[in-house]
């Protein structure tokens, strides 16, 4: 079957894992950023120390 704009294309499991594997690492990082913002701004906890370069 050929693709047409009227038909949706569904990913199989392997395609889905490949395309979204990188997004999972981004989701994890944004979760930590949100926790840090809540801790600092809402709860008034001290800022996290910055890493030594």
C-alpha atoms as a PDB file:
ATOM      1  CA  UNK A   1       0.000   0.000   0.000  1.00  0.00           C
ATOM      2  CA  UNK A   2       1.369   3.421  -0.940  1.00  0.00           C
ATOM      3  CA  UNK A   3       1.280   6.373   1.404  1.00  0.00           C
ATOM      4  CA  UNK A   4      -1.237   9.119   0.754  1.00  0.00           C
ATOM      5  CA  UNK A   5      -1.907  12.249   2.812  1.00  0.00           C
ATOM      6  CA  UNK A   6      -5.348  10.949   3.726  1.00  0.00           C
ATOM      7  CA  UNK A   7      -3.910   7.801   5.367  1.00  0.00           C
ATOM      8  CA  UNK A   8      -1.982   7.962   8.607  1.00  0.00           C
ATOM      9  CA  UNK A   9       1.312   6.146   8.968  1.00  0.00           C
ATOM     10  CA  UNK A  10       1.702   4.079  12.116  1.00  0.00           C
ATOM     11  CA  UNK A  11       5.083   3.196  13.544  1.00  0.00           C
ATOM     12  CA  UNK A  12       5.908  -0.347  14.513  1.00  0.00           C
ATOM     13  CA  UNK A  13       7.584  -1.005  17.856  1.00  0.00           C
ATOM     14  CA  UNK A  14      11.182  -0.835  16.589  1.00  0.00           C
ATOM     15  CA  UNK A  15      10.579   2.412  14.696  1.00  0.00           C
ATOM     16  CA  UNK A  16       8.896   3.947  17.730  1.00  0.00           C
ATOM     17  CA  UNK A  17      11.749   2.950  20.048  1.00  0.00           C
ATOM     18  CA  UNK A  18      14.356   4.321  17.642  1.00  0.00           C
ATOM     19  CA  UNK A  19      12.645   7.649  17.033  1.00  0.00           C
ATOM     20  CA  UNK A  20      11.624   8.331  20.623  1.00  0.00           C
ATOM     21  CA  UNK A  21      14.668   6.958  22.487  1.00  0.00           C
ATOM     22  CA  UNK A  22      16.402  10.333  22.357  1.00  0.00           C
ATOM     23  CA  UNK A  23      13.281  12.133  23.554  1.00  0.00           C
ATOM     24  CA  UNK A  24      13.249  10.037  26.734  1.00  0.00           C
ATOM     25  CA  UNK A  25      16.577  11.531  27.821  1.00  0.00           C
ATOM     26  CA  UNK A  26      15.230  15.026  27.216  1.00  0.00           C
ATOM     27  CA  UNK A  27      12.098  14.259  29.250  1.00  0.00           C
ATOM     28  CA  UNK A  28      14.264  13.070  32.134  1.00  0.00           C
ATOM     29  CA  UNK A  29      16.328  16.239  32.114  1.00  0.00           C
ATOM     30  CA  UNK A  30      13.324  18.539  31.997  1.00  0.00           C
ATOM     31  CA  UNK A  31      11.845  16.697  34.973  1.00  0.00           C
ATOM     32  CA  UNK A  32      14.944  17.448  37.036  1.00  0.00           C
ATOM     33  CA  UNK A  33      14.892  21.099  35.946  1.00  0.00           C
ATOM     34  CA  UNK A  34      11.270  21.414  37.043  1.00  0.00           C
ATOM     35  CA  UNK A  35      12.081  19.883  40.439  1.00  0.00           C
ATOM     36  CA  UNK A  36      14.948  22.314  40.901  1.00  0.00           C
ATOM     37  CA  UNK A  37      12.756  25.298  40.017  1.00  0.00           C
ATOM     38  CA  UNK A  38      10.056  24.190  42.457  1.00  0.00           C
ATOM     39  CA  UNK A  39      12.623  23.587  45.189  1.00  0.00           C
ATOM     40  CA  UNK A  40      14.268  26.988  44.754  1.00  0.00           C
ATOM     41  CA  UNK A  41      11.346  29.261  43.927  1.00  0.00           C
ATOM     42  CA  UNK A  42       8.360  27.689  45.640  1.00  0.00           C
ATOM     43  CA  UNK A  43       9.914  25.995  48.655  1.00  0.00           C
ATOM     44  CA  UNK A  44      12.663  28.595  49.115  1.00  0.00           C
ATOM     45  CA  UNK A  45      15.463  26.021  49.287  1.00  0.00           C
ATOM     46  CA  UNK A  46      19.015  27.171  48.544  1.00  0.00           C
ATOM     47  CA  UNK A  47      20.290  27.004  44.975  1.00  0.00           C
ATOM     48  CA  UNK A  48      22.103  23.919  43.801  1.00  0.00           C
ATOM     49  CA  UNK A  49      25.875  24.423  43.654  1.00  0.00           C
ATOM     50  CA  UNK A  50      27.172  24.834  40.117  1.00  0.00           C
ATOM     51  CA  UNK A  51      29.552  22.199  38.796  1.00  0.00           C
ATOM     52  CA  UNK A  52      33.272  22.849  38.894  1.00  0.00           C
ATOM     53  CA  UNK A  53      34.663  23.410  35.423  1.00  0.00           C
END
